[in-house]
């Protein structure tokens, strides 16, 4: 594995599970519940210049990454709700790279995005904890990655939060910002 790959996937690439055990589901819910606090901890005390530092060569800045996480997780939350309330919905992809280039993603203060993530995840955790066992198998279709279940979507976003927190914490270690 090259250094560039290590920087891009500090916790490894996501592997979509075929099925999850009840214990793995519980762990995924816990990871989603903890993600906002972990991200807040990861960026605590960073100055504007540090927030405007790319987490890897050619990557987004820490600021863009902080704004990206709630953008992405809002989409995932809606996708989850659609799968729980519709019959095999086809969800709409979005251009996350373009969202990250919008002016507010490049320059806005991060506190509103941190608060948005905290509140979003409170609601998401409530929804997930209230699901019946059969709900985890409800399908949705992503036009690019195909058919998946709510369970697989939740596994992805449990990983996604840890993945981006690791981008920030790895940068802090490399730069001596710890």
Protein backbone atom coordinates (compact mmCIF):
# COMPACT_ATOMS: atom_id res chain seq x y z
CA UNK A 1 0.00 0.00 0.00
CA UNK A 2 1.39 3.40 -0.91
CA UNK A 3 1.55 6.45 1.35
CA UNK A 4 -1.15 8.14 -0.77
CA UNK A 5 -3.50 5.20 -0.23
CA UNK A 6 -2.78 5.24 3.51
CA UNK A 7 -3.68 8.94 3.64
CA UNK A 8 -6.84 8.43 1.61
CA UNK A 9 -8.10 5.46 3.65
CA UNK A 10 -6.59 5.76 7.13
CA UNK A 11 -8.90 3.06 8.55
CA UNK A 12 -9.01 1.01 5.33
CA UNK A 13 -11.51 0.99 2.51
CA UNK A 14 -15.14 0.23 3.23
CA UNK A 15 -16.19 -3.37 2.75
CA UNK A 16 -19.95 -3.78 2.33
CA UNK A 17 -21.13 -6.66 4.52
CA UNK A 18 -23.53 -9.19 3.05
CA UNK A 19 -25.27 -9.42 6.44
CA UNK A 20 -24.70 -8.05 9.93
CA UNK A 21 -25.28 -9.71 13.26
CA UNK A 22 -27.44 -7.94 15.85
CA UNK A 23 -24.21 -7.09 17.71
CA UNK A 24 -22.71 -5.55 14.57
CA UNK A 25 -25.88 -3.50 14.09
CA UNK A 26 -25.63 -2.27 17.67
CA UNK A 27 -21.99 -1.33 17.09
CA UNK A 28 -22.91 0.52 13.87
CA UNK A 29 -25.61 2.49 15.69
CA UNK A 30 -23.09 3.35 18.42
CA UNK A 31 -20.58 4.53 15.80
CA UNK A 32 -23.21 6.77 14.23
CA UNK A 33 -24.21 8.11 17.64
CA UNK A 34 -20.59 8.86 18.56
CA UNK A 35 -19.49 10.36 15.22
CA UNK A 36 -20.42 14.00 15.98
CA UNK A 37 -18.49 14.03 19.26
CA UNK A 38 -15.50 12.32 17.64
CA UNK A 39 -15.45 14.89 14.82
CA UNK A 40 -15.80 17.78 17.27
CA UNK A 41 -12.88 16.37 19.31
CA UNK A 42 -10.79 15.91 16.17
CA UNK A 43 -11.08 19.57 15.15
CA UNK A 44 -11.02 21.10 18.65
CA UNK A 45 -8.64 24.03 18.91
CA UNK A 46 -7.69 24.19 15.24
CA UNK A 47 -7.02 27.70 13.92
CA UNK A 48 -8.37 28.90 10.57
CA UNK A 49 -5.06 28.19 8.84
CA UNK A 50 -5.13 24.63 10.11
CA UNK A 51 -8.77 24.21 9.06
CA UNK A 52 -7.76 25.35 5.58
CA UNK A 53 -5.03 22.68 5.33
CA UNK A 54 -5.73 19.70 3.05
CA UNK A 55 -5.82 16.45 5.00
CA UNK A 56 -3.74 14.87 2.21
CA UNK A 57 -2.13 16.11 -1.01
CA UNK A 58 -4.93 16.75 -3.48
CA UNK A 59 -7.57 16.25 -0.80
CA UNK A 60 -10.12 18.51 0.78
CA UNK A 61 -9.23 20.91 3.53
CA UNK A 62 -10.26 20.06 7.07
CA UNK A 63 -12.93 22.77 6.78
CA UNK A 64 -14.37 21.19 3.60
CA UNK A 65 -14.30 17.79 5.27
CA UNK A 66 -16.20 19.08 8.32
CA UNK A 67 -18.88 20.54 6.06
CA UNK A 68 -18.93 17.37 3.92
CA UNK A 69 -19.79 15.01 6.78
CA UNK A 70 -23.22 16.49 7.60
CA UNK A 71 -23.92 17.00 3.87
CA UNK A 72 -23.26 13.32 3.28
CA UNK A 73 -25.04 12.12 6.40
CA UNK A 74 -28.15 14.18 5.64
CA UNK A 75 -28.35 12.37 2.33
CA UNK A 76 -27.85 9.02 4.07
CA UNK A 77 -30.51 9.80 6.68
CA UNK A 78 -33.02 10.66 3.95
CA UNK A 79 -32.07 7.52 2.02
CA UNK A 80 -32.63 5.44 5.15
CA UNK A 81 -36.04 7.02 5.74
CA UNK A 82 -37.02 6.49 2.11
CA UNK A 83 -36.08 2.81 2.35
CA UNK A 84 -38.14 2.47 5.52
CA UNK A 85 -41.23 4.10 3.99
CA UNK A 86 -41.19 3.19 0.30
CA UNK A 87 -40.88 -0.02 -1.68
CA UNK A 88 -37.30 -0.33 -2.94
CA UNK A 89 -36.77 3.38 -3.69
CA UNK A 90 -34.16 4.49 -6.16
CA UNK A 91 -32.23 7.18 -4.37
CA UNK A 92 -30.72 10.25 -5.94
CA UNK A 93 -26.95 10.53 -6.01
CA UNK A 94 -25.28 13.91 -5.59
CA UNK A 95 -21.91 15.37 -6.57
CA UNK A 96 -20.16 15.52 -3.20
CA UNK A 97 -17.03 16.89 -4.85
CA UNK A 98 -19.01 19.85 -6.22
CA UNK A 99 -20.75 20.42 -2.88
CA UNK A 100 -17.31 20.62 -1.25
CA UNK A 101 -16.29 23.36 -3.69
CA UNK A 102 -19.23 25.65 -2.96
CA UNK A 103 -18.21 28.90 -1.22
CA UNK A 104 -19.69 28.05 2.19
CA UNK A 105 -17.96 24.66 2.20
CA UNK A 106 -14.63 26.34 1.45
CA UNK A 107 -14.88 29.24 3.88
CA UNK A 108 -17.73 29.07 6.42
CA UNK A 109 -17.18 28.57 10.12
CA UNK A 110 -17.40 24.91 11.08
CA UNK A 111 -19.57 25.28 14.20
CA UNK A 112 -22.92 25.26 12.33
CA UNK A 113 -21.93 22.05 10.56
CA UNK A 114 -20.83 20.44 13.82
CA UNK A 115 -24.15 21.38 15.42
CA UNK A 116 -26.09 20.15 12.39
CA UNK A 117 -24.28 16.82 12.58
CA UNK A 118 -25.01 16.49 16.30
CA UNK A 119 -28.73 17.12 15.86
CA UNK A 120 -29.01 15.00 12.75
CA UNK A 121 -27.34 12.06 14.49
CA UNK A 122 -29.64 12.37 17.50
CA UNK A 123 -32.61 11.89 15.20
CA UNK A 124 -30.90 9.17 13.17
CA UNK A 125 -29.97 7.21 16.28
CA UNK A 126 -33.60 7.37 17.48
CA UNK A 127 -34.82 6.10 14.12
CA UNK A 128 -32.28 3.27 14.08
CA UNK A 129 -32.98 2.15 17.64
CA UNK A 130 -36.71 2.04 16.84
CA UNK A 131 -36.35 -0.23 13.81
CA UNK A 132 -37.84 -3.71 13.74
CA UNK A 133 -35.51 -6.57 12.73
CA UNK A 134 -37.12 -6.78 9.27
CA UNK A 135 -36.46 -3.06 8.66
CA UNK A 136 -32.72 -3.72 8.43
CA UNK A 137 -33.33 -5.77 5.27
CA UNK A 138 -35.42 -3.13 3.49
CA UNK A 139 -33.87 -2.42 0.09
CA UNK A 140 -32.92 0.73 -1.72
CA UNK A 141 -31.25 1.21 -5.08
CA UNK A 142 -28.36 3.55 -5.75
CA UNK A 143 -28.08 4.20 -9.50
CA UNK A 144 -24.29 3.88 -9.36
CA UNK A 145 -23.64 1.20 -6.72
CA UNK A 146 -26.78 -0.89 -7.09
CA UNK A 147 -29.20 -2.51 -4.68
CA UNK A 148 -28.40 -2.49 -0.99
CA UNK A 149 -30.19 -2.84 2.31
CA UNK A 150 -30.68 -0.36 5.13
CA UNK A 151 -28.26 -2.53 7.08
CA UNK A 152 -25.56 -2.05 4.44
CA UNK A 153 -26.24 1.68 4.26
CA UNK A 154 -25.83 1.98 8.03
CA UNK A 155 -22.59 -0.05 7.92
CA UNK A 156 -21.27 2.39 5.31
CA UNK A 157 -22.08 5.47 7.35
CA UNK A 158 -20.73 4.01 10.58
CA UNK A 159 -17.47 3.58 8.64
CA UNK A 160 -17.79 7.00 6.95
CA UNK A 161 -17.78 8.94 10.21
CA UNK A 162 -14.74 7.05 11.54
CA UNK A 163 -13.02 7.44 8.16
CA UNK A 164 -13.22 11.24 8.14
CA UNK A 165 -12.36 11.62 11.82
CA UNK A 166 -9.23 9.57 11.08
CA UNK A 167 -8.34 11.96 8.24
CA UNK A 168 -8.25 14.83 10.72
CA UNK A 169 -6.50 12.98 13.55
CA UNK A 170 -3.87 11.59 11.16
CA UNK A 171 -3.20 15.09 9.81
CA UNK A 172 -2.89 16.44 13.35
CA UNK A 173 -0.33 13.76 14.19
CA UNK A 174 1.66 14.35 11.00
CA UNK A 175 1.69 18.12 11.53
CA UNK A 176 2.37 17.93 15.27
CA UNK A 177 -0.96 19.65 16.08
CA UNK A 178 -1.84 17.21 18.87
